[in-house]
Amino acid sequence: MSARIVGIARHARPRGPVECIESAEVTLEAGIRGDFRGAARPGSKRKRQITMMAAEDWAAAMAELGHPAIDWSDRRVNLLTQGIPLPREQGLRLRIGDIILEVTGECDPCPRMEEVAAGLRAVLTPDWRGGRLMRVIAGGHMTIGDPITIEESE
């Protein structure tokens, strides 16, 4: 199986509904266009423009929790990948077509995960299962199914 994007999601406001989309425009200024978290504020280090999680990590968390029917978008991350072990090293970069994203840290599961299912926060905590925080280095357009690769940081 090749490494690829299998899900794209955004939400326009805090605690707002998550919208799963087939494709997205990604910019340095806005992250995923239409997602409230991606906007780069003046002077910001842009550490949390996009969040990314591996489908394999979600499946492991669901198996441990015993709730395979919970949709990945309930995690409220922007991108779901498949077939690639996501790096944990800050500064490593991932490429999706022309888009380059840089890992800035772990996406810790928030207390809101307990509203989705009891115990969800706990099963997302080990081994960075909750995902990665990403900064946009180069923008472009992405579509579900696009390949994803890891690049060396500069």
C-alpha atoms as a PDB file:
ATOM      1  CA  MET A   1       0.000   0.000   0.000  1.00  0.00           C
ATOM      2  CA  SER A   2       1.352   3.408  -0.879  1.00  0.00           C
ATOM      3  CA  ALA A   3       1.426   6.309   1.567  1.00  0.00           C
ATOM      4  CA  ARG A   4      -1.425   8.689   0.869  1.00  0.00           C
ATOM      5  CA  ILE A   5      -3.967  11.157   2.218  1.00  0.00           C
ATOM      6  CA  VAL A   6      -7.231   9.353   2.991  1.00  0.00           C
ATOM      7  CA  GLY A   7      -9.132  12.139   4.755  1.00  0.00           C
ATOM      8  CA  ILE A   8      -9.310  15.939   4.779  1.00  0.00           C
ATOM      9  CA  ALA A   9     -11.377  17.878   7.310  1.00  0.00           C
ATOM     10  CA  ARG A  10     -11.812  21.447   8.530  1.00  0.00           C
ATOM     11  CA  HIS A  11     -13.940  23.420  10.926  1.00  0.00           C
ATOM     12  CA  ALA A  12     -14.772  27.072  10.503  1.00  0.00           C
ATOM     13  CA  ARG A  13     -14.970  27.970  14.209  1.00  0.00           C
ATOM     14  CA  PRO A  14     -14.017  26.599  17.624  1.00  0.00           C
ATOM     15  CA  ARG A  15     -16.288  23.729  18.650  1.00  0.00           C
ATOM     16  CA  GLY A  16     -17.970  24.082  15.248  1.00  0.00           C
ATOM     17  CA  PRO A  17     -19.003  21.122  13.124  1.00  0.00           C
ATOM     18  CA  VAL A  18     -16.283  19.263  11.252  1.00  0.00           C
ATOM     19  CA  GLU A  19     -16.629  19.293   7.480  1.00  0.00           C
ATOM     20  CA  CYS A  20     -15.011  16.410   5.583  1.00  0.00           C
ATOM     21  CA  ILE A  21     -13.958  17.508   2.111  1.00  0.00           C
ATOM     22  CA  GLU A  22     -12.503  15.834  -0.988  1.00  0.00           C
ATOM     23  CA  SER A  23      -9.830  18.449  -1.677  1.00  0.00           C
ATOM     24  CA  ALA A  24      -8.367  21.583  -0.134  1.00  0.00           C
ATOM     25  CA  GLU A  25      -6.258  24.592  -0.877  1.00  0.00           C
ATOM     26  CA  VAL A  26      -3.345  25.032   1.564  1.00  0.00           C
ATOM     27  CA  THR A  27      -1.601  28.382   2.043  1.00  0.00           C
ATOM     28  CA  LEU A  28       1.111  29.819   4.267  1.00  0.00           C
ATOM     29  CA  GLU A  29      -1.356  32.365   5.611  1.00  0.00           C
ATOM     30  CA  ALA A  30      -4.425  30.176   6.202  1.00  0.00           C
ATOM     31  CA  GLY A  31      -3.311  26.551   6.475  1.00  0.00           C
ATOM     32  CA  ILE A  32      -6.267  24.628   5.031  1.00  0.00           C
ATOM     33  CA  ARG A  33      -8.532  27.273   3.542  1.00  0.00           C
ATOM     34  CA  GLY A  34     -11.711  27.471   5.600  1.00  0.00           C
ATOM     35  CA  ASP A  35     -10.223  26.004   8.795  1.00  0.00           C
ATOM     36  CA  PHE A  36     -10.118  28.466  11.680  1.00  0.00           C
ATOM     37  CA  ARG A  37      -6.926  27.092  13.272  1.00  0.00           C
ATOM     38  CA  GLY A  38      -4.687  27.550  10.252  1.00  0.00           C
ATOM     39  CA  ALA A  39      -4.588  31.347  10.167  1.00  0.00           C
ATOM     40  CA  ALA A  40      -1.071  32.661  10.813  1.00  0.00           C
ATOM     41  CA  ARG A  41      -1.323  35.620  13.141  1.00  0.00           C
ATOM     42  CA  PRO A  42       1.312  38.375  12.865  1.00  0.00           C
ATOM     43  CA  GLY A  43       4.425  37.328  14.780  1.00  0.00           C
ATOM     44  CA  SER A  44       3.157  33.751  15.131  1.00  0.00           C
ATOM     45  CA  LYS A  45       5.502  30.796  14.759  1.00  0.00           C
ATOM     46  CA  ARG A  46       2.611  28.966  13.032  1.00  0.00           C
ATOM     47  CA  LYS A  47       3.093  25.797  15.084  1.00  0.00           C
ATOM     48  CA  ARG A  48      -0.490  24.544  14.712  1.00  0.00           C
ATOM     49  CA  GLN A  49      -1.656  25.382  11.209  1.00  0.00           C
ATOM     50  CA  ILE A  50      -2.590  21.816  10.285  1.00  0.00           C
ATOM     51  CA  THR A  51      -3.070  18.678  12.342  1.00  0.00           C
ATOM     52  CA  MET A  52      -2.362  15.222  10.948  1.00  0.00           C
ATOM     53  CA  MET A  53      -3.041  11.704  12.195  1.00  0.00           C
ATOM     54  CA  ALA A  54      -2.293   8.237  10.823  1.00  0.00           C
ATOM     55  CA  ALA A  55      -5.237   5.932  10.096  1.00  0.00           C
ATOM     56  CA  GLU A  56      -3.218   3.113  11.646  1.00  0.00           C
ATOM     57  CA  ASP A  57      -2.946   5.059  14.932  1.00  0.00           C
ATOM     58  CA  TRP A  58      -6.694   5.753  14.884  1.00  0.00           C
ATOM     59  CA  ALA A  59      -7.415   2.049  14.276  1.00  0.00           C
ATOM     60  CA  ALA A  60      -5.141   1.050  17.171  1.00  0.00           C
ATOM     61  CA  ALA A  61      -6.865   3.525  19.476  1.00  0.00           C
ATOM     62  CA  MET A  62     -10.315   2.305  18.409  1.00  0.00           C
ATOM     63  CA  ALA A  63      -9.319  -1.332  18.948  1.00  0.00           C
ATOM     64  CA  GLU A  64      -8.074  -0.514  22.438  1.00  0.00           C
ATOM     65  CA  LEU A  65     -11.191   1.502  23.195  1.00  0.00           C
ATOM     66  CA  GLY A  66     -13.545  -1.077  21.694  1.00  0.00           C
ATOM     67  CA  HIS A  67     -15.431   1.495  19.579  1.00  0.00           C
ATOM     68  CA  PRO A  68     -14.575   0.820  15.928  1.00  0.00           C
ATOM     69  CA  ALA A  69     -17.598   2.832  14.724  1.00  0.00           C
ATOM     70  CA  ILE A  70     -16.297   6.252  15.854  1.00  0.00           C
ATOM     71  CA  ASP A  71     -15.368   8.276  12.767  1.00  0.00           C
ATOM     72  CA  TRP A  72     -11.825   9.661  12.501  1.00  0.00           C
ATOM     73  CA  SER A  73     -13.215  13.167  11.985  1.00  0.00           C
ATOM     74  CA  ASP A  74     -14.470  13.119  15.590  1.00  0.00           C
ATOM     75  CA  ARG A  75     -10.776  13.502  16.523  1.00  0.00           C
ATOM     76  CA  ARG A  76     -11.012  16.960  14.866  1.00  0.00           C
ATOM     77  CA  VAL A  77      -7.687  16.704  13.020  1.00  0.00           C
ATOM     78  CA  ASN A  78      -7.308  18.066   9.507  1.00  0.00           C
ATOM     79  CA  LEU A  79      -5.572  15.232   7.688  1.00  0.00           C
ATOM     80  CA  LEU A  80      -5.748  11.459   7.908  1.00  0.00           C
ATOM     81  CA  THR A  81      -2.877   9.523   6.333  1.00  0.00           C
ATOM     82  CA  GLN A  82      -2.472   5.856   5.524  1.00  0.00           C
ATOM     83  CA  GLY A  83       0.568   3.724   4.806  1.00  0.00           C
ATOM     84  CA  ILE A  84       3.212   5.976   6.341  1.00  0.00           C
ATOM     85  CA  PRO A  85       4.629   6.053   9.858  1.00  0.00           C
ATOM     86  CA  LEU A  86       4.344   9.736  10.732  1.00  0.00           C
ATOM     87  CA  PRO A  87       7.559  11.231  12.113  1.00  0.00           C
ATOM     88  CA  ARG A  88       7.872  12.475  15.676  1.00  0.00           C
ATOM     89  CA  GLU A  89      10.942  14.620  15.081  1.00  0.00           C
ATOM     90  CA  GLN A  90      10.306  18.349  15.026  1.00  0.00           C
ATOM     91  CA  GLY A  91      11.532  19.884  11.795  1.00  0.00           C
ATOM     92  CA  LEU A  92      10.960  16.841   9.581  1.00  0.00           C
ATOM     93  CA  ARG A  93       8.909  17.629   6.516  1.00  0.00           C
ATOM     94  CA  LEU A  94       6.199  15.844   4.611  1.00  0.00           C
ATOM     95  CA  ARG A  95       5.354  16.475   0.972  1.00  0.00           C
ATOM     96  CA  ILE A  96       1.902  16.195  -0.592  1.00  0.00           C
ATOM     97  CA  GLY A  97       2.338  17.282  -4.215  1.00  0.00           C
ATOM     98  CA  ASP A  98       3.626  20.876  -4.065  1.00  0.00           C
ATOM     99  CA  ILE A  99       2.633  21.198  -0.402  1.00  0.00           C
ATOM    100  CA  ILE A 100       5.355  20.925   2.228  1.00  0.00           C
ATOM    101  CA  LEU A 101       4.384  20.588   5.900  1.00  0.00           C
ATOM    102  CA  GLU A 102       6.822  20.613   8.820  1.00  0.00           C
ATOM    103  CA  VAL A 103       6.303  18.720  12.081  1.00  0.00           C
ATOM    104  CA  THR A 104       6.252  21.167  15.009  1.00  0.00           C
ATOM    105  CA  GLY A 105       5.126  18.802  17.770  1.00  0.00           C
ATOM    106  CA  GLU A 106       2.639  16.319  19.112  1.00  0.00           C
ATOM    107  CA  CYS A 107      -1.097  16.985  18.823  1.00  0.00           C
ATOM    108  CA  ASP A 108      -2.109  16.122  22.374  1.00  0.00           C
ATOM    109  CA  PRO A 109      -5.682  14.897  22.694  1.00  0.00           C
ATOM    110  CA  CYS A 110      -7.784  17.463  24.538  1.00  0.00           C
ATOM    111  CA  PRO A 111     -10.431  16.847  27.229  1.00  0.00           C
ATOM    112  CA  ARG A 112     -13.087  17.264  24.519  1.00  0.00           C
ATOM    113  CA  MET A 113     -12.280  13.723  23.354  1.00  0.00           C
ATOM    114  CA  GLU A 114     -14.108  12.463  26.448  1.00  0.00           C
ATOM    115  CA  GLU A 115     -17.289  14.051  25.051  1.00  0.00           C
ATOM    116  CA  VAL A 116     -16.896  11.820  21.993  1.00  0.00           C
ATOM    117  CA  ALA A 117     -16.350   8.620  23.984  1.00  0.00           C
ATOM    118  CA  ALA A 118     -15.288   7.797  27.521  1.00  0.00           C
ATOM    119  CA  GLY A 119     -11.635   6.803  27.493  1.00  0.00           C
ATOM    120  CA  LEU A 120     -10.869   8.216  24.036  1.00  0.00           C
ATOM    121  CA  ARG A 121      -8.364  10.750  25.331  1.00  0.00           C
ATOM    122  CA  ALA A 122      -6.426   8.042  27.168  1.00  0.00           C
ATOM    123  CA  VAL A 123      -6.147   5.715  24.146  1.00  0.00           C
ATOM    124  CA  LEU A 124      -4.973   8.586  21.915  1.00  0.00           C
ATOM    125  CA  THR A 125      -2.206   9.643  24.318  1.00  0.00           C
ATOM    126  CA  PRO A 126       0.472   6.920  23.949  1.00  0.00           C
ATOM    127  CA  ASP A 127       2.981   6.953  21.094  1.00  0.00           C
ATOM    128  CA  TRP A 128       1.680  10.212  19.561  1.00  0.00           C
ATOM    129  CA  ARG A 129      -1.526   8.455  18.438  1.00  0.00           C
ATOM    130  CA  GLY A 130      -3.378  11.763  18.688  1.00  0.00           C
ATOM    131  CA  GLY A 131      -1.401  13.127  15.760  1.00  0.00           C
ATOM    132  CA  ARG A 132       1.115  15.782  14.779  1.00  0.00           C
ATOM    133  CA  LEU A 133       1.045  19.564  14.659  1.00  0.00           C
ATOM    134  CA  MET A 134       2.240  20.937  11.338  1.00  0.00           C
ATOM    135  CA  ARG A 135       3.389  24.255   9.920  1.00  0.00           C
ATOM    136  CA  VAL A 136       2.916  25.088   6.222  1.00  0.00           C
ATOM    137  CA  ILE A 137       6.253  25.618   4.467  1.00  0.00           C
ATOM    138  CA  ALA A 138       4.874  25.617   0.900  1.00  0.00           C
ATOM    139  CA  GLY A 139       1.235  25.749  -0.132  1.00  0.00           C
ATOM    140  CA  GLY A 140      -0.709  24.143  -2.942  1.00  0.00           C
ATOM    141  CA  HIS A 141      -3.726  21.949  -3.611  1.00  0.00           C
ATOM    142  CA  MET A 142      -4.391  18.481  -2.182  1.00  0.00           C
ATOM    143  CA  THR A 143      -6.988  15.833  -2.904  1.00  0.00           C
ATOM    144  CA  ILE A 144      -7.875  12.608  -1.125  1.00  0.00           C
ATOM    145  CA  GLY A 145      -5.636   9.900  -2.550  1.00  0.00           C
ATOM    146  CA  ASP A 146      -2.625  12.172  -3.060  1.00  0.00           C
ATOM    147  CA  PRO A 147       0.686  10.499  -2.188  1.00  0.00           C
ATOM    148  CA  ILE A 148       2.623  11.656   0.863  1.00  0.00           C
ATOM    149  CA  THR A 149       6.358  11.337   1.436  1.00  0.00           C
ATOM    150  CA  ILE A 150       8.802  12.265   4.190  1.00  0.00           C
ATOM    151  CA  GLU A 151      11.593  14.693   3.305  1.00  0.00           C
ATOM    152  CA  GLU A 152      14.676  15.779   5.185  1.00  0.00           C
ATOM    153  CA  SER A 153      14.424  19.173   6.883  1.00  0.00           C
ATOM    154  CA  GLU A 154      16.571  21.968   5.548  1.00  0.00           C
END
